[in-house]
Amino acid sequence: MKPQSLASLAVILGTFTALALHSAPAAAQDGVVRCESQNNRERVCNTGWRDARLVRQLSGSACVEGRTWGTRNGSIWVNNGCRAEFTQGRGGWGGGNGGGWGGGNGNSGTVRCESQDNRERSCPVGWRNARVVRQISGTQCVEGQNWGVRNGAIWVNRGCRAEFAEARGGWGGGNGGGWGGGNSNYTVTCSSNNNRQQSCNWDERQGRPVLQQQLSGSACQEGRTWGYSRGNVWVSNGCRARFGTR
């Protein structure tokens, strides 16, 4: 084979290798897909899903939907060091510029509430508790800091824009953790205040906990800022998160 032909073949192989690294099929296990941004580069993981939700953050870098991860064309993309495990999101989401009920695709229990120009917005829902199901803004939505529930309404400010659903059962606050209702909805919210380590009770009958939702601006990374040991979830270094069963 001529040297020129060998050089052309090397270029072609290099191109295919680069494409394979950039857009690789994701390995799903129990419906969970891991997608990782290495060296802060973008990675695309093919899933075939129309929507996805983060179930476990693995990186120290925060994974914020729309900013460091998202879905497009049946794939999940991650960048800026986000490494996480994802599962398929169910249905679509409602629209609108303010607060209101999500329309279509079976998610009538979802409300979008948005802080425009960093101003506070109140969205009546009639709920006692709520949870973020999808963050829309680049600004991190942190419960108790730039969103919350009071008097049957969700309030948002300082640029938080997100979609919310009613939280079943009670949620922990302050220095400890709270219990959710039922096995499939069993959750514990645990908070590291002033960067101190905090332990929260976990029912061992529910199995090993997984991070369902990060509530803090500080990254929650298993083995580094949170973990599980003998019926207790622990958090440290400012991590505040909601934990549940897979």
C-alpha atoms as a PDB file:
ATOM      1  CA  MET A   1       0.000   0.000   0.000  1.00  0.00           C
ATOM      2  CA  LYS A   2       1.301   3.459  -0.904  1.00  0.00           C
ATOM      3  CA  PRO A   3       2.343   5.880   1.904  1.00  0.00           C
ATOM      4  CA  GLN A   4      -0.344   8.309   0.753  1.00  0.00           C
ATOM      5  CA  SER A   5      -3.033   5.627   1.054  1.00  0.00           C
ATOM      6  CA  LEU A   6      -1.819   4.706   4.540  1.00  0.00           C
ATOM      7  CA  ALA A   7      -1.999   8.345   5.605  1.00  0.00           C
ATOM      8  CA  SER A   8      -5.569   8.666   4.263  1.00  0.00           C
ATOM      9  CA  LEU A   9      -6.587   5.485   6.102  1.00  0.00           C
ATOM     10  CA  ALA A  10      -5.131   6.850   9.360  1.00  0.00           C
ATOM     11  CA  VAL A  11      -7.137  10.068   8.983  1.00  0.00           C
ATOM     12  CA  ILE A  12     -10.363   8.126   8.375  1.00  0.00           C
ATOM     13  CA  LEU A  13      -9.785   5.858  11.382  1.00  0.00           C
ATOM     14  CA  GLY A  14      -8.993   8.859  13.551  1.00  0.00           C
ATOM     15  CA  THR A  15     -12.240  10.555  12.503  1.00  0.00           C
ATOM     16  CA  PHE A  16     -14.330   7.483  13.343  1.00  0.00           C
ATOM     17  CA  THR A  17     -12.585   7.152  16.706  1.00  0.00           C
ATOM     18  CA  ALA A  18     -13.348  10.778  17.562  1.00  0.00           C
ATOM     19  CA  LEU A  19     -16.987  10.359  16.606  1.00  0.00           C
ATOM     20  CA  ALA A  20     -17.281   7.198  18.700  1.00  0.00           C
ATOM     21  CA  LEU A  21     -15.862   8.999  21.737  1.00  0.00           C
ATOM     22  CA  HIS A  22     -18.128  11.990  21.284  1.00  0.00           C
ATOM     23  CA  SER A  23     -21.368  10.108  20.745  1.00  0.00           C
ATOM     24  CA  ALA A  24     -21.231   6.697  22.347  1.00  0.00           C
ATOM     25  CA  PRO A  25     -24.087   4.316  23.028  1.00  0.00           C
ATOM     26  CA  ALA A  26     -24.972   4.429  26.712  1.00  0.00           C
ATOM     27  CA  ALA A  27     -24.877   1.262  28.774  1.00  0.00           C
ATOM     28  CA  ALA A  28     -28.182   0.988  30.616  1.00  0.00           C
ATOM     29  CA  GLN A  29     -28.505  -1.082  33.773  1.00  0.00           C
ATOM     30  CA  ASP A  30     -31.911  -1.381  35.441  1.00  0.00           C
ATOM     31  CA  GLY A  31     -33.045   1.559  33.307  1.00  0.00           C
ATOM     32  CA  VAL A  32     -30.170   3.756  34.520  1.00  0.00           C
ATOM     33  CA  VAL A  33     -27.609   5.307  32.154  1.00  0.00           C
ATOM     34  CA  ARG A  34     -24.263   6.750  33.217  1.00  0.00           C
ATOM     35  CA  CYS A  35     -22.937   9.662  31.174  1.00  0.00           C
ATOM     36  CA  GLU A  36     -19.661  11.392  32.062  1.00  0.00           C
ATOM     37  CA  SER A  37     -17.882  14.550  30.939  1.00  0.00           C
ATOM     38  CA  GLN A  38     -14.167  13.803  31.151  1.00  0.00           C
ATOM     39  CA  ASN A  39     -11.667  16.701  31.266  1.00  0.00           C
ATOM     40  CA  ASN A  40     -14.634  19.113  31.056  1.00  0.00           C
ATOM     41  CA  ARG A  41     -15.339  18.044  27.455  1.00  0.00           C
ATOM     42  CA  GLU A  42     -18.850  17.446  26.139  1.00  0.00           C
ATOM     43  CA  ARG A  43     -19.994  13.845  25.943  1.00  0.00           C
ATOM     44  CA  VAL A  44     -23.131  12.604  24.189  1.00  0.00           C
ATOM     45  CA  CYS A  45     -24.707   9.322  25.326  1.00  0.00           C
ATOM     46  CA  ASN A  46     -27.334   7.786  23.057  1.00  0.00           C
ATOM     47  CA  THR A  47     -30.431   6.626  24.958  1.00  0.00           C
ATOM     48  CA  GLY A  48     -33.410   6.874  22.609  1.00  0.00           C
ATOM     49  CA  TRP A  49     -35.265   8.777  25.356  1.00  0.00           C
ATOM     50  CA  ARG A  50     -37.272  11.902  24.719  1.00  0.00           C
ATOM     51  CA  ASP A  51     -36.604  13.162  28.239  1.00  0.00           C
ATOM     52  CA  ALA A  52     -34.418  12.185  31.191  1.00  0.00           C
ATOM     53  CA  ARG A  53     -33.937  12.938  34.866  1.00  0.00           C
ATOM     54  CA  LEU A  54     -30.823  12.822  37.020  1.00  0.00           C
ATOM     55  CA  VAL A  55     -30.910  10.137  39.711  1.00  0.00           C
ATOM     56  CA  ARG A  56     -27.339  10.196  41.010  1.00  0.00           C
ATOM     57  CA  GLN A  57     -24.568  12.788  40.663  1.00  0.00           C
ATOM     58  CA  LEU A  58     -21.079  11.259  40.609  1.00  0.00           C
ATOM     59  CA  SER A  59     -18.942  14.344  40.011  1.00  0.00           C
ATOM     60  CA  GLY A  60     -17.733  17.110  42.265  1.00  0.00           C
ATOM     61  CA  SER A  61     -18.797  19.533  39.527  1.00  0.00           C
ATOM     62  CA  ALA A  62     -22.478  20.414  39.776  1.00  0.00           C
ATOM     63  CA  CYS A  63     -24.851  18.836  37.251  1.00  0.00           C
ATOM     64  CA  VAL A  64     -27.445  21.490  36.376  1.00  0.00           C
ATOM     65  CA  GLU A  65     -30.039  20.697  33.716  1.00  0.00           C
ATOM     66  CA  GLY A  66     -29.814  23.058  30.763  1.00  0.00           C
ATOM     67  CA  ARG A  67     -26.361  24.184  31.832  1.00  0.00           C
ATOM     68  CA  THR A  68     -24.106  21.157  32.248  1.00  0.00           C
ATOM     69  CA  TRP A  69     -26.469  18.429  31.066  1.00  0.00           C
ATOM     70  CA  GLY A  70     -29.601  17.979  28.971  1.00  0.00           C
ATOM     71  CA  THR A  71     -31.375  15.862  26.382  1.00  0.00           C
ATOM     72  CA  ARG A  72     -31.590  16.260  22.619  1.00  0.00           C
ATOM     73  CA  ASN A  73     -32.369  13.990  19.685  1.00  0.00           C
ATOM     74  CA  GLY A  74     -32.706  10.874  21.825  1.00  0.00           C
ATOM     75  CA  SER A  75     -29.429  11.460  23.653  1.00  0.00           C
ATOM     76  CA  ILE A  76     -28.137  12.857  26.939  1.00  0.00           C
ATOM     77  CA  TRP A  77     -25.316  15.420  26.762  1.00  0.00           C
ATOM     78  CA  VAL A  78     -23.004  16.404  29.611  1.00  0.00           C
ATOM     79  CA  ASN A  79     -20.166  18.930  29.822  1.00  0.00           C
ATOM     80  CA  ASN A  80     -18.036  21.003  32.216  1.00  0.00           C
ATOM     81  CA  GLY A  81     -17.179  17.955  34.307  1.00  0.00           C
ATOM     82  CA  CYS A  82     -20.723  16.728  35.021  1.00  0.00           C
ATOM     83  CA  ARG A  83     -20.771  12.963  35.635  1.00  0.00           C
ATOM     84  CA  ALA A  84     -24.047  11.370  36.648  1.00  0.00           C
ATOM     85  CA  GLU A  85     -26.532   8.548  36.307  1.00  0.00           C
ATOM     86  CA  PHE A  86     -29.821   9.215  34.551  1.00  0.00           C
ATOM     87  CA  THR A  87     -33.125   7.480  34.018  1.00  0.00           C
ATOM     88  CA  GLN A  88     -35.908   8.055  31.532  1.00  0.00           C
ATOM     89  CA  GLY A  89     -38.181  11.015  32.240  1.00  0.00           C
ATOM     90  CA  ARG A  90     -41.870  10.279  31.977  1.00  0.00           C
ATOM     91  CA  GLY A  91     -43.939  12.332  29.551  1.00  0.00           C
ATOM     92  CA  GLY A  92     -43.495  15.959  28.566  1.00  0.00           C
ATOM     93  CA  TRP A  93     -43.656  19.178  30.530  1.00  0.00           C
ATOM     94  CA  GLY A  94     -45.979  22.140  30.558  1.00  0.00           C
ATOM     95  CA  GLY A  95     -45.100  25.531  29.148  1.00  0.00           C
ATOM     96  CA  GLY A  96     -45.814  29.153  29.916  1.00  0.00           C
ATOM     97  CA  ASN A  97     -43.825  32.113  31.215  1.00  0.00           C
ATOM     98  CA  GLY A  98     -45.169  32.204  34.718  1.00  0.00           C
ATOM     99  CA  GLY A  99     -46.791  29.742  37.072  1.00  0.00           C
ATOM    100  CA  GLY A 100     -49.500  27.355  36.000  1.00  0.00           C
ATOM    101  CA  TRP A 101     -50.440  23.777  35.450  1.00  0.00           C
ATOM    102  CA  GLY A 102     -48.360  21.847  32.971  1.00  0.00           C
ATOM    103  CA  GLY A 103     -50.367  20.858  29.977  1.00  0.00           C
ATOM    104  CA  GLY A 104     -50.494  17.691  27.893  1.00  0.00           C
ATOM    105  CA  ASN A 105     -48.556  14.437  27.975  1.00  0.00           C
ATOM    106  CA  GLY A 106     -50.076  13.295  31.247  1.00  0.00           C
ATOM    107  CA  ASN A 107     -48.253  15.699  33.604  1.00  0.00           C
ATOM    108  CA  SER A 108     -51.251  17.696  34.807  1.00  0.00           C
ATOM    109  CA  GLY A 109     -49.748  17.696  38.324  1.00  0.00           C
ATOM    110  CA  THR A 110     -46.715  19.730  37.278  1.00  0.00           C
ATOM    111  CA  VAL A 111     -46.407  23.487  37.811  1.00  0.00           C
ATOM    112  CA  ARG A 112     -43.860  25.804  36.236  1.00  0.00           C
ATOM    113  CA  CYS A 113     -42.836  28.824  38.293  1.00  0.00           C
ATOM    114  CA  GLU A 114     -40.228  31.308  37.079  1.00  0.00           C
ATOM    115  CA  SER A 115     -38.322  34.233  38.573  1.00  0.00           C
ATOM    116  CA  GLN A 116     -37.860  36.699  35.726  1.00  0.00           C
ATOM    117  CA  ASP A 117     -35.182  39.429  36.053  1.00  0.00           C
ATOM    118  CA  ASN A 118     -34.346  38.008  39.508  1.00  0.00           C
ATOM    119  CA  ARG A 119     -37.720  39.184  40.873  1.00  0.00           C
ATOM    120  CA  GLU A 120     -39.840  37.110  43.219  1.00  0.00           C
ATOM    121  CA  ARG A 121     -42.806  35.276  41.747  1.00  0.00           C
ATOM    122  CA  SER A 122     -45.566  33.445  43.618  1.00  0.00           C
ATOM    123  CA  CYS A 123     -47.461  30.594  41.965  1.00  0.00           C
ATOM    124  CA  PRO A 124     -50.622  29.362  43.785  1.00  0.00           C
ATOM    125  CA  VAL A 125     -50.791  25.559  43.945  1.00  0.00           C
ATOM    126  CA  GLY A 126     -52.677  24.655  47.119  1.00  0.00           C
ATOM    127  CA  TRP A 127     -49.888  22.267  48.167  1.00  0.00           C
ATOM    128  CA  ARG A 128     -48.292  21.961  51.570  1.00  0.00           C
ATOM    129  CA  ASN A 129     -44.964  20.760  50.157  1.00  0.00           C
ATOM    130  CA  ALA A 130     -43.339  20.666  46.731  1.00  0.00           C
ATOM    131  CA  ARG A 131     -40.285  19.288  44.979  1.00  0.00           C
ATOM    132  CA  VAL A 132     -38.322  20.347  41.897  1.00  0.00           C
ATOM    133  CA  VAL A 133     -38.849  17.919  39.040  1.00  0.00           C
ATOM    134  CA  ARG A 134     -37.028  19.909  36.363  1.00  0.00           C
ATOM    135  CA  GLN A 135     -34.753  22.930  36.671  1.00  0.00           C
ATOM    136  CA  ILE A 136     -35.048  25.271  33.696  1.00  0.00           C
ATOM    137  CA  SER A 137     -32.739  28.102  34.711  1.00  0.00           C
ATOM    138  CA  GLY A 138     -28.961  28.237  34.644  1.00  0.00           C
ATOM    139  CA  THR A 139     -29.240  29.577  38.185  1.00  0.00           C
ATOM    140  CA  GLN A 140     -29.281  26.734  40.714  1.00  0.00           C
ATOM    141  CA  CYS A 141     -32.679  26.382  42.434  1.00  0.00           C
ATOM    142  CA  VAL A 142     -31.979  25.761  46.117  1.00  0.00           C
ATOM    143  CA  GLU A 143     -34.917  25.106  48.433  1.00  0.00           C
ATOM    144  CA  GLY A 144     -35.117  27.663  51.226  1.00  0.00           C
ATOM    145  CA  GLN A 145     -32.770  30.046  49.424  1.00  0.00           C
ATOM    146  CA  ASN A 146     -34.432  30.949  46.142  1.00  0.00           C
ATOM    147  CA  TRP A 147     -37.589  28.835  46.211  1.00  0.00           C
ATOM    148  CA  GLY A 148     -40.019  27.392  48.735  1.00  0.00           C
ATOM    149  CA  VAL A 149     -43.670  26.864  49.657  1.00  0.00           C
ATOM    150  CA  ARG A 150     -45.769  29.128  51.860  1.00  0.00           C
ATOM    151  CA  ASN A 151     -49.505  29.618  52.276  1.00  0.00           C
ATOM    152  CA  GLY A 152     -50.327  27.117  49.533  1.00  0.00           C
ATOM    153  CA  ALA A 153     -48.097  28.756  46.920  1.00  0.00           C
ATOM    154  CA  ILE A 154     -44.635  28.167  45.488  1.00  0.00           C
ATOM    155  CA  TRP A 155     -42.349  31.204  45.571  1.00  0.00           C
ATOM    156  CA  VAL A 156     -39.215  31.664  43.472  1.00  0.00           C
ATOM    157  CA  ASN A 157     -36.694  34.497  43.268  1.00  0.00           C
ATOM    158  CA  ARG A 158     -33.120  35.362  42.252  1.00  0.00           C
ATOM    159  CA  GLY A 159     -33.474  33.765  38.826  1.00  0.00           C
ATOM    160  CA  CYS A 160     -34.745  30.332  39.824  1.00  0.00           C
ATOM    161  CA  ARG A 161     -36.983  28.883  37.092  1.00  0.00           C
ATOM    162  CA  ALA A 162     -38.217  25.329  37.476  1.00  0.00           C
ATOM    163  CA  GLU A 163     -41.074  22.855  37.237  1.00  0.00           C
ATOM    164  CA  PHE A 164     -42.492  21.548  40.490  1.00  0.00           C
ATOM    165  CA  ALA A 165     -44.706  18.697  41.647  1.00  0.00           C
ATOM    166  CA  GLU A 166     -46.492  18.090  44.910  1.00  0.00           C
ATOM    167  CA  ALA A 167     -44.327  16.359  47.502  1.00  0.00           C
ATOM    168  CA  ARG A 168     -46.088  13.518  49.246  1.00  0.00           C
ATOM    169  CA  GLY A 169     -45.510  13.173  52.973  1.00  0.00           C
ATOM    170  CA  GLY A 170     -43.283  15.401  55.077  1.00  0.00           C
ATOM    171  CA  TRP A 171     -39.834  16.660  54.223  1.00  0.00           C
ATOM    172  CA  GLY A 172     -37.000  17.292  56.628  1.00  0.00           C
ATOM    173  CA  GLY A 173     -35.741  20.756  57.330  1.00  0.00           C
ATOM    174  CA  GLY A 174     -33.308  22.538  59.554  1.00  0.00           C
ATOM    175  CA  ASN A 175     -30.542  20.313  60.833  1.00  0.00           C
ATOM    176  CA  GLY A 176     -31.994  16.872  60.280  1.00  0.00           C
ATOM    177  CA  GLY A 177     -33.857  14.754  57.796  1.00  0.00           C
ATOM    178  CA  GLY A 178     -37.503  14.005  57.104  1.00  0.00           C
ATOM    179  CA  TRP A 179     -39.455  10.980  56.062  1.00  0.00           C
ATOM    180  CA  GLY A 180     -41.559  10.557  52.963  1.00  0.00           C
ATOM    181  CA  GLY A 181     -44.665   8.389  52.829  1.00  0.00           C
ATOM    182  CA  GLY A 182     -44.854   4.878  51.413  1.00  0.00           C
ATOM    183  CA  ASN A 183     -42.088   2.601  50.161  1.00  0.00           C
ATOM    184  CA  SER A 184     -41.768   3.894  46.592  1.00  0.00           C
ATOM    185  CA  ASN A 185     -41.990   7.491  47.820  1.00  0.00           C
ATOM    186  CA  TYR A 186     -39.685   7.009  50.791  1.00  0.00           C
ATOM    187  CA  THR A 187     -37.268   9.946  51.020  1.00  0.00           C
ATOM    188  CA  VAL A 188     -34.974  11.663  53.485  1.00  0.00           C
ATOM    189  CA  THR A 189     -33.740  15.234  53.160  1.00  0.00           C
ATOM    190  CA  CYS A 190     -30.403  15.784  54.882  1.00  0.00           C
ATOM    191  CA  SER A 191     -28.578  19.110  55.247  1.00  0.00           C
ATOM    192  CA  SER A 192     -25.021  20.090  56.090  1.00  0.00           C
ATOM    193  CA  ASN A 193     -25.370  23.487  57.731  1.00  0.00           C
ATOM    194  CA  ASN A 194     -22.315  25.735  58.043  1.00  0.00           C
ATOM    195  CA  ASN A 195     -20.338  23.000  56.241  1.00  0.00           C
ATOM    196  CA  ARG A 196     -20.596  20.712  59.278  1.00  0.00           C
ATOM    197  CA  GLN A 197     -21.226  16.981  58.967  1.00  0.00           C
ATOM    198  CA  GLN A 198     -24.796  15.897  59.672  1.00  0.00           C
ATOM    199  CA  SER A 199     -26.257  12.398  59.999  1.00  0.00           C
ATOM    200  CA  CYS A 200     -29.897  11.605  59.191  1.00  0.00           C
ATOM    201  CA  ASN A 201     -31.747   8.384  59.995  1.00  0.00           C
ATOM    202  CA  TRP A 202     -32.431   6.024  57.097  1.00  0.00           C
ATOM    203  CA  ASP A 203     -34.715   2.962  57.254  1.00  0.00           C
ATOM    204  CA  GLU A 204     -32.444   0.062  56.304  1.00  0.00           C
ATOM    205  CA  ARG A 205     -35.479  -1.898  55.059  1.00  0.00           C
ATOM    206  CA  GLN A 206     -35.618   0.491  52.084  1.00  0.00           C
ATOM    207  CA  GLY A 207     -32.204  -0.646  50.832  1.00  0.00           C
ATOM    208  CA  ARG A 208     -29.278   1.584  50.010  1.00  0.00           C
ATOM    209  CA  PRO A 209     -30.173   5.265  49.417  1.00  0.00           C
ATOM    210  CA  VAL A 210     -29.488   7.122  46.194  1.00  0.00           C
ATOM    211  CA  LEU A 211     -29.308  10.870  45.646  1.00  0.00           C
ATOM    212  CA  GLN A 212     -32.583  11.970  44.058  1.00  0.00           C
ATOM    213  CA  GLN A 213     -32.201  15.743  44.102  1.00  0.00           C
ATOM    214  CA  GLN A 214     -29.410  18.123  45.073  1.00  0.00           C
ATOM    215  CA  LEU A 215     -30.830  21.126  46.936  1.00  0.00           C
ATOM    216  CA  SER A 216     -27.609  22.981  47.718  1.00  0.00           C
ATOM    217  CA  GLY A 217     -25.296  25.108  45.651  1.00  0.00           C
ATOM    218  CA  SER A 218     -22.437  23.006  47.061  1.00  0.00           C
ATOM    219  CA  ALA A 219     -21.882  19.784  45.139  1.00  0.00           C
ATOM    220  CA  CYS A 220     -23.132  16.528  46.664  1.00  0.00           C
ATOM    221  CA  GLN A 221     -20.721  13.750  45.687  1.00  0.00           C
ATOM    222  CA  GLU A 222     -21.042  10.251  47.087  1.00  0.00           C
ATOM    223  CA  GLY A 223     -18.056   9.237  49.180  1.00  0.00           C
ATOM    224  CA  ARG A 224     -16.871  12.820  49.383  1.00  0.00           C
ATOM    225  CA  THR A 225     -19.683  15.015  50.687  1.00  0.00           C
ATOM    226  CA  TRP A 226     -22.319  12.365  51.387  1.00  0.00           C
ATOM    227  CA  GLY A 227     -22.510   8.679  52.144  1.00  0.00           C
ATOM    228  CA  TYR A 228     -24.382   5.896  53.892  1.00  0.00           C
ATOM    229  CA  SER A 229     -23.421   3.887  56.957  1.00  0.00           C
ATOM    230  CA  ARG A 230     -25.476   1.639  59.244  1.00  0.00           C
ATOM    231  CA  GLY A 231     -28.897   3.172  58.843  1.00  0.00           C
ATOM    232  CA  ASN A 232     -27.664   6.753  58.523  1.00  0.00           C
ATOM    233  CA  VAL A 233     -27.160   9.086  55.603  1.00  0.00           C
ATOM    234  CA  TRP A 234     -24.381  11.616  56.259  1.00  0.00           C
ATOM    235  CA  VAL A 235     -23.673  14.892  54.483  1.00  0.00           C
ATOM    236  CA  SER A 236     -20.845  17.428  54.843  1.00  0.00           C
ATOM    237  CA  ASN A 237     -19.210  20.494  53.268  1.00  0.00           C
ATOM    238  CA  GLY A 238     -22.521  22.236  52.606  1.00  0.00           C
ATOM    239  CA  CYS A 239     -24.239  19.376  50.767  1.00  0.00           C
ATOM    240  CA  ARG A 240     -28.024  19.452  51.119  1.00  0.00           C
ATOM    241  CA  ALA A 241     -29.999  16.857  49.213  1.00  0.00           C
ATOM    242  CA  ARG A 242     -33.027  14.615  49.045  1.00  0.00           C
ATOM    243  CA  PHE A 243     -32.304  10.893  49.124  1.00  0.00           C
ATOM    244  CA  GLY A 244     -34.628   8.053  48.186  1.00  0.00           C
ATOM    245  CA  THR A 245     -34.849   4.539  46.816  1.00  0.00           C
ATOM    246  CA  ARG A 246     -33.908   3.756  43.228  1.00  0.00           C
END
